[in-house]
């Protein structure tokens, strides 16, 4: 149960960071991918950071011109 609480805290932190970098910092999906991928090489390395980095470059299946997170 404690593990799930920590994991949910990590997910909330990742989403808050995404929001700040995207909406305040003005980073696009490619830049966000680079940030999260770089973080996943250091002490922040985790499965959640890894899949977040990969998700930044995922295209929408219905419209390949849009990223999944921008749809």
PDB file of N, CA and C in Angstrom:
ATOM      1  N   UNK A   1       0.827  -1.194   0.000  1.00  0.00           N
ATOM      2  CA  UNK A   1       0.000   0.000   0.000  1.00  0.00           C
ATOM      3  C   UNK A   1       0.874   1.262   0.000  1.00  0.00           C
ATOM      4  N   UNK A   2       1.955   1.221   0.759  1.00  0.00           N
ATOM      5  CA  UNK A   2       2.860   2.373   0.791  1.00  0.00           C
ATOM      6  C   UNK A   2       3.473   2.595  -0.589  1.00  0.00           C
ATOM      7  N   UNK A   3       3.827   1.492  -1.259  1.00  0.00           N
ATOM      8  CA  UNK A   3       4.407   1.587  -2.600  1.00  0.00           C
ATOM      9  C   UNK A   3       3.470   2.329  -3.545  1.00  0.00           C
ATOM     10  N   UNK A   4       2.187   2.017  -3.502  1.00  0.00           N
ATOM     11  CA  UNK A   4       1.219   2.693  -4.370  1.00  0.00           C
ATOM     12  C   UNK A   4       1.141   4.180  -4.063  1.00  0.00           C
ATOM     13  N   UNK A   5       1.207   4.538  -2.788  1.00  0.00           N
ATOM     14  CA  UNK A   5       1.176   5.949  -2.408  1.00  0.00           C
ATOM     15  C   UNK A   5       2.366   6.705  -2.956  1.00  0.00           C
ATOM     16  N   UNK A   6       3.538   6.091  -2.885  1.00  0.00           N
ATOM     17  CA  UNK A   6       4.746   6.717  -3.424  1.00  0.00           C
ATOM     18  C   UNK A   6       4.630   6.856  -4.940  1.00  0.00           C
ATOM     19  N   UNK A   7       4.132   5.805  -5.587  1.00  0.00           N
ATOM     20  CA  UNK A   7       3.981   5.837  -7.043  1.00  0.00           C
ATOM     21  C   UNK A   7       3.004   6.926  -7.481  1.00  0.00           C
ATOM     22  N   UNK A   8       1.893   7.060  -6.776  1.00  0.00           N
ATOM     23  CA  UNK A   8       0.932   8.114  -7.113  1.00  0.00           C
ATOM     24  C   UNK A   8       1.531   9.497  -6.879  1.00  0.00           C
ATOM     25  N   UNK A   9       2.347   9.633  -5.852  1.00  0.00           N
ATOM     26  CA  UNK A   9       3.045  10.894  -5.622  1.00  0.00           C
ATOM     27  C   UNK A   9       3.998  11.222  -6.756  1.00  0.00           C
ATOM     28  N   UNK A  10       4.724  10.211  -7.227  1.00  0.00           N
ATOM     29  CA  UNK A  10       5.630  10.396  -8.370  1.00  0.00           C
ATOM     30  C   UNK A  10       4.862  10.820  -9.618  1.00  0.00           C
ATOM     31  N   UNK A  11       3.723  10.170  -9.866  1.00  0.00           N
ATOM     32  CA  UNK A  11       2.926  10.519 -11.051  1.00  0.00           C
ATOM     33  C   UNK A  11       2.403  11.950 -10.962  1.00  0.00           C
ATOM     34  N   UNK A  12       2.005  12.371  -9.772  1.00  0.00           N
ATOM     35  CA  UNK A  12       1.527  13.739  -9.596  1.00  0.00           C
ATOM     36  C   UNK A  12       2.658  14.733  -9.843  1.00  0.00           C
ATOM     37  N   UNK A  13       3.836  14.425  -9.329  1.00  0.00           N
ATOM     38  CA  UNK A  13       4.993  15.296  -9.534  1.00  0.00           C
ATOM     39  C   UNK A  13       5.356  15.395 -11.015  1.00  0.00           C
ATOM     40  N   UNK A  14       5.346  14.277 -11.721  1.00  0.00           N
ATOM     41  CA  UNK A  14       5.636  14.281 -13.159  1.00  0.00           C
ATOM     42  C   UNK A  14       4.620  15.137 -13.906  1.00  0.00           C
ATOM     43  N   UNK A  15       3.350  15.009 -13.544  1.00  0.00           N
ATOM     44  CA  UNK A  15       2.321  15.794 -14.247  1.00  0.00           C
ATOM     45  C   UNK A  15       2.447  17.284 -13.948  1.00  0.00           C
ATOM     46  N   UNK A  16       2.818  17.639 -12.725  1.00  0.00           N
ATOM     47  CA  UNK A  16       3.021  19.055 -12.380  1.00  0.00           C
ATOM     48  C   UNK A  16       4.213  19.626 -13.143  1.00  0.00           C
ATOM     49  N   UNK A  17       5.291  18.854 -13.228  1.00  0.00           N
ATOM     50  CA  UNK A  17       6.475  19.300 -13.965  1.00  0.00           C
ATOM     51  C   UNK A  17       6.152  19.458 -15.447  1.00  0.00           C
ATOM     52  N   UNK A  18       5.420  18.489 -16.006  1.00  0.00           N
ATOM     53  CA  UNK A  18       4.997  18.577 -17.404  1.00  0.00           C
ATOM     54  C   UNK A  18       4.226  19.870 -17.637  1.00  0.00           C
ATOM     55  N   UNK A  19       3.263  20.155 -16.768  1.00  0.00           N
ATOM     56  CA  UNK A  19       2.438  21.357 -16.918  1.00  0.00           C
ATOM     57  C   UNK A  19       3.291  22.621 -16.876  1.00  0.00           C
ATOM     58  N   UNK A  20       4.213  22.697 -15.937  1.00  0.00           N
ATOM     59  CA  UNK A  20       5.074  23.879 -15.840  1.00  0.00           C
ATOM     60  C   UNK A  20       5.964  24.042 -17.072  1.00  0.00           C
ATOM     61  N   UNK A  21       6.599  22.958 -17.493  1.00  0.00           N
ATOM     62  CA  UNK A  21       7.493  23.047 -18.645  1.00  0.00           C
ATOM     63  C   UNK A  21       6.737  23.364 -19.928  1.00  0.00           C
ATOM     64  N   UNK A  22       5.556  22.793 -20.086  1.00  0.00           N
ATOM     65  CA  UNK A  22       4.763  22.978 -21.310  1.00  0.00           C
ATOM     66  C   UNK A  22       4.105  24.353 -21.339  1.00  0.00           C
ATOM     67  N   UNK A  23       3.410  24.718 -20.272  1.00  0.00           N
ATOM     68  CA  UNK A  23       2.569  25.916 -20.292  1.00  0.00           C
ATOM     69  C   UNK A  23       3.257  27.178 -19.784  1.00  0.00           C
ATOM     70  N   UNK A  24       4.219  27.036 -18.907  1.00  0.00           N
ATOM     71  CA  UNK A  24       4.949  28.212 -18.416  1.00  0.00           C
ATOM     72  C   UNK A  24       6.272  28.354 -19.170  1.00  0.00           C
ATOM     73  N   UNK A  25       6.982  27.233 -19.320  1.00  0.00           N
ATOM     74  CA  UNK A  25       8.269  27.259 -20.006  1.00  0.00           C
ATOM     75  C   UNK A  25       8.166  27.289 -21.516  1.00  0.00           C
ATOM     76  N   UNK A  26       7.005  26.911 -22.052  1.00  0.00           N
ATOM     77  CA  UNK A  26       6.791  26.948 -23.494  1.00  0.00           C
ATOM     78  C   UNK A  26       7.501  25.860 -24.281  1.00  0.00           C
ATOM     79  N   UNK A  27       7.894  24.771 -23.626  1.00  0.00           N
ATOM     80  CA  UNK A  27       8.580  23.695 -24.327  1.00  0.00           C
ATOM     81  C   UNK A  27       7.604  22.918 -25.204  1.00  0.00           C
ATOM     82  N   UNK A  28       8.082  22.504 -26.377  1.00  0.00           N
ATOM     83  CA  UNK A  28       7.252  21.655 -27.233  1.00  0.00           C
ATOM     84  C   UNK A  28       7.518  20.184 -26.886  1.00  0.00           C
ATOM     85  N   UNK A  29       6.827  19.289 -27.564  1.00  0.00           N
ATOM     86  CA  UNK A  29       6.925  17.870 -27.222  1.00  0.00           C
ATOM     87  C   UNK A  29       8.332  17.311 -27.415  1.00  0.00           C
ATOM     88  N   UNK A  30       9.036  17.749 -28.449  1.00  0.00           N
ATOM     89  CA  UNK A  30      10.403  17.267 -28.670  1.00  0.00           C
ATOM     90  C   UNK A  30      11.330  17.720 -27.543  1.00  0.00           C
ATOM     91  N   UNK A  31      11.173  18.964 -27.122  1.00  0.00           N
ATOM     92  CA  UNK A  31      11.992  19.479 -26.020  1.00  0.00           C
ATOM     93  C   UNK A  31      11.646  18.768 -24.713  1.00  0.00           C
ATOM     94  N   UNK A  32      10.364  18.517 -24.497  1.00  0.00           N
ATOM     95  CA  UNK A  32       9.941  17.783 -23.302  1.00  0.00           C
ATOM     96  C   UNK A  32      10.515  16.371 -23.309  1.00  0.00           C
ATOM     97  N   UNK A  33      10.505  15.742 -24.464  1.00  0.00           N
ATOM     98  CA  UNK A  33      11.092  14.403 -24.588  1.00  0.00           C
ATOM     99  C   UNK A  33      12.563  14.425 -24.170  1.00  0.00           C
ATOM    100  N   UNK A  34      13.304  15.408 -24.655  1.00  0.00           N
ATOM    101  CA  UNK A  34      14.725  15.507 -24.324  1.00  0.00           C
ATOM    102  C   UNK A  34      14.938  15.697 -22.825  1.00  0.00           C
ATOM    103  N   UNK A  35      14.115  16.543 -22.202  1.00  0.00           N
ATOM    104  CA  UNK A  35      14.239  16.796 -20.762  1.00  0.00           C
ATOM    105  C   UNK A  35      14.002  15.515 -19.974  1.00  0.00           C
ATOM    106  N   UNK A  36      12.880  14.854 -20.239  1.00  0.00           N
ATOM    107  CA  UNK A  36      12.558  13.643 -19.480  1.00  0.00           C
ATOM    108  C   UNK A  36      13.539  12.511 -19.777  1.00  0.00           C
ATOM    109  N   UNK A  37      13.987  12.391 -21.022  1.00  0.00           N
ATOM    110  CA  UNK A  37      14.966  11.357 -21.368  1.00  0.00           C
ATOM    111  C   UNK A  37      16.294  11.610 -20.654  1.00  0.00           C
ATOM    112  N   UNK A  38      16.695  12.866 -20.561  1.00  0.00           N
ATOM    113  CA  UNK A  38      17.933  13.207 -19.852  1.00  0.00           C
ATOM    114  C   UNK A  38      17.806  12.899 -18.364  1.00  0.00           C
ATOM    115  N   UNK A  39      16.662  13.255 -17.780  1.00  0.00           N
ATOM    116  CA  UNK A  39      16.440  12.954 -16.366  1.00  0.00           C
ATOM    117  C   UNK A  39      16.473  11.452 -16.115  1.00  0.00           C
ATOM    118  N   UNK A  40      16.048  10.670 -17.083  1.00  0.00           N
ATOM    119  CA  UNK A  40      16.008   9.221 -16.904  1.00  0.00           C
ATOM    120  C   UNK A  40      17.399   8.594 -16.965  1.00  0.00           C
ATOM    121  N   UNK A  41      18.415   9.361 -17.305  1.00  0.00           N
ATOM    122  CA  UNK A  41      19.784   8.857 -17.325  1.00  0.00           C
ATOM    123  C   UNK A  41      20.481   9.038 -15.983  1.00  0.00           C
ATOM    124  N   UNK A  42      19.950   9.898 -15.124  1.00  0.00           N
ATOM    125  CA  UNK A  42      20.600  10.188 -13.849  1.00  0.00           C
ATOM    126  C   UNK A  42      19.914   9.517 -12.679  1.00  0.00           C
ATOM    127  N   UNK A  43      19.994  10.169 -11.533  1.00  0.00           N
ATOM    128  CA  UNK A  43      19.437   9.589 -10.310  1.00  0.00           C
ATOM    129  C   UNK A  43      17.911   9.560 -10.312  1.00  0.00           C
ATOM    130  N   UNK A  44      17.280  10.256 -11.241  1.00  0.00           N
ATOM    131  CA  UNK A  44      15.821  10.219 -11.354  1.00  0.00           C
ATOM    132  C   UNK A  44      15.335   9.038 -12.192  1.00  0.00           C
ATOM    133  N   UNK A  45      16.254   8.212 -12.675  1.00  0.00           N
ATOM    134  CA  UNK A  45      15.898   7.105 -13.561  1.00  0.00           C
ATOM    135  C   UNK A  45      14.806   6.242 -12.937  1.00  0.00           C
ATOM    136  N   UNK A  46      13.727   6.083 -13.712  1.00  0.00           N
ATOM    137  CA  UNK A  46      12.616   5.244 -13.263  1.00  0.00           C
ATOM    138  C   UNK A  46      11.754   4.877 -14.460  1.00  0.00           C
ATOM    139  N   UNK A  47      10.932   3.866 -14.280  1.00  0.00           N
ATOM    140  CA  UNK A  47      10.024   3.448 -15.341  1.00  0.00           C
ATOM    141  C   UNK A  47       9.060   4.572 -15.690  1.00  0.00           C
ATOM    142  N   UNK A  48       8.560   5.301 -14.701  1.00  0.00           N
ATOM    143  CA  UNK A  48       7.596   6.369 -14.966  1.00  0.00           C
ATOM    144  C   UNK A  48       8.216   7.506 -15.777  1.00  0.00           C
ATOM    145  N   UNK A  49       9.458   7.865 -15.479  1.00  0.00           N
ATOM    146  CA  UNK A  49      10.149   8.901 -16.256  1.00  0.00           C
ATOM    147  C   UNK A  49      10.409   8.388 -17.676  1.00  0.00           C
ATOM    148  N   UNK A  50      10.791   7.123 -17.793  1.00  0.00           N
ATOM    149  CA  UNK A  50      11.056   6.529 -19.109  1.00  0.00           C
ATOM    150  C   UNK A  50       9.819   6.563 -20.004  1.00  0.00           C
ATOM    151  N   UNK A  51       8.675   6.124 -19.484  1.00  0.00           N
ATOM    152  CA  UNK A  51       7.478   6.098 -20.330  1.00  0.00           C
ATOM    153  C   UNK A  51       6.948   7.502 -20.592  1.00  0.00           C
ATOM    154  N   UNK A  52       7.203   8.430 -19.674  1.00  0.00           N
ATOM    155  CA  UNK A  52       6.809   9.819 -19.912  1.00  0.00           C
ATOM    156  C   UNK A  52       7.610  10.389 -21.077  1.00  0.00           C
ATOM    157  N   UNK A  53       8.907  10.124 -21.100  1.00  0.00           N
ATOM    158  CA  UNK A  53       9.755  10.596 -22.203  1.00  0.00           C
ATOM    159  C   UNK A  53       9.278  10.017 -23.532  1.00  0.00           C
ATOM    160  N   UNK A  54       8.975   8.724 -23.547  1.00  0.00           N
ATOM    161  CA  UNK A  54       8.506   8.089 -24.788  1.00  0.00           C
ATOM    162  C   UNK A  54       7.163   8.645 -25.226  1.00  0.00           C
ATOM    163  N   UNK A  55       6.301   8.941 -24.271  1.00  0.00           N
ATOM    164  CA  UNK A  55       4.962   9.442 -24.581  1.00  0.00           C
ATOM    165  C   UNK A  55       5.012  10.802 -25.272  1.00  0.00           C
ATOM    166  N   UNK A  56       6.036  11.596 -24.980  1.00  0.00           N
ATOM    167  CA  UNK A  56       6.136  12.934 -25.566  1.00  0.00           C
ATOM    168  C   UNK A  56       6.253  12.903 -27.087  1.00  0.00           C
ATOM    169  N   UNK A  57       6.768  11.820 -27.650  1.00  0.00           N
ATOM    170  CA  UNK A  57       6.950  11.738 -29.101  1.00  0.00           C
ATOM    171  C   UNK A  57       5.908  10.853 -29.779  1.00  0.00           C
ATOM    172  N   UNK A  58       4.959  10.349 -29.017  1.00  0.00           N
ATOM    173  CA  UNK A  58       3.907   9.478 -29.573  1.00  0.00           C
ATOM    174  C   UNK A  58       2.911  10.313 -30.368  1.00  0.00           C
ATOM    175  N   UNK A  59       2.658   9.882 -31.601  1.00  0.00           N
ATOM    176  CA  UNK A  59       1.708  10.578 -32.475  1.00  0.00           C
ATOM    177  C   UNK A  59       0.305  10.019 -32.277  1.00  0.00           C
ATOM    178  N   UNK A  60      -0.687  10.858 -32.528  1.00  0.00           N
ATOM    179  CA  UNK A  60      -2.086  10.456 -32.450  1.00  0.00           C
ATOM    180  C   UNK A  60      -2.391   9.492 -33.597  1.00  0.00           C
ATOM    181  N   UNK A  61      -2.981   8.347 -33.298  1.00  0.00           N
ATOM    182  CA  UNK A  61      -3.304   7.361 -34.335  1.00  0.00           C
ATOM    183  C   UNK A  61      -4.322   7.889 -35.342  1.00  0.00           C
ATOM    184  N   UNK A  62      -5.187   8.789 -34.912  1.00  0.00           N
ATOM    185  CA  UNK A  62      -6.231   9.311 -35.793  1.00  0.00           C
ATOM    186  C   UNK A  62      -5.739  10.463 -36.659  1.00  0.00           C
ATOM    187  N   UNK A  63      -4.736  11.179 -36.177  1.00  0.00           N
ATOM    188  CA  UNK A  63      -4.184  12.309 -36.927  1.00  0.00           C
ATOM    189  C   UNK A  63      -2.680  12.358 -36.678  1.00  0.00           C
ATOM    190  N   UNK A  64      -1.917  11.793 -37.584  1.00  0.00           N
ATOM    191  CA  UNK A  64      -0.462  11.681 -37.420  1.00  0.00           C
ATOM    192  C   UNK A  64       0.244  13.036 -37.383  1.00  0.00           C
ATOM    193  N   UNK A  65      -0.464  14.120 -37.718  1.00  0.00           N
ATOM    194  CA  UNK A  65       0.131  15.453 -37.640  1.00  0.00           C
ATOM    195  C   UNK A  65       0.177  15.966 -36.212  1.00  0.00           C
ATOM    196  N   UNK A  66      -0.600  15.355 -35.315  1.00  0.00           N
ATOM    197  CA  UNK A  66      -0.667  15.804 -33.924  1.00  0.00           C
ATOM    198  C   UNK A  66      -0.009  14.795 -32.994  1.00  0.00           C
ATOM    199  N   UNK A  67       0.584  15.324 -31.942  1.00  0.00           N
ATOM    200  CA  UNK A  67       1.068  14.455 -30.884  1.00  0.00           C
ATOM    201  C   UNK A  67      -0.112  14.013 -30.035  1.00  0.00           C
ATOM    202  N   UNK A  68       0.005  12.858 -29.429  1.00  0.00           N
ATOM    203  CA  UNK A  68      -1.065  12.318 -28.611  1.00  0.00           C
ATOM    204  C   UNK A  68      -1.432  13.272 -27.479  1.00  0.00           C
ATOM    205  N   UNK A  69      -0.447  13.901 -26.869  1.00  0.00           N
ATOM    206  CA  UNK A  69      -0.714  14.801 -25.747  1.00  0.00           C
ATOM    207  C   UNK A  69      -1.287  16.139 -26.175  1.00  0.00           C
ATOM    208  N   UNK A  70      -1.221  16.472 -27.449  1.00  0.00           N
ATOM    209  CA  UNK A  70      -1.783  17.730 -27.940  1.00  0.00           C
ATOM    210  C   UNK A  70      -3.173  17.555 -28.522  1.00  0.00           C
ATOM    211  N   UNK A  71      -3.634  16.332 -28.613  1.00  0.00           N
ATOM    212  CA  UNK A  71      -4.929  16.039 -29.251  1.00  0.00           C
ATOM    213  C   UNK A  71      -6.084  16.326 -28.324  1.00  0.00           C
TER     214      UNK A  71
END
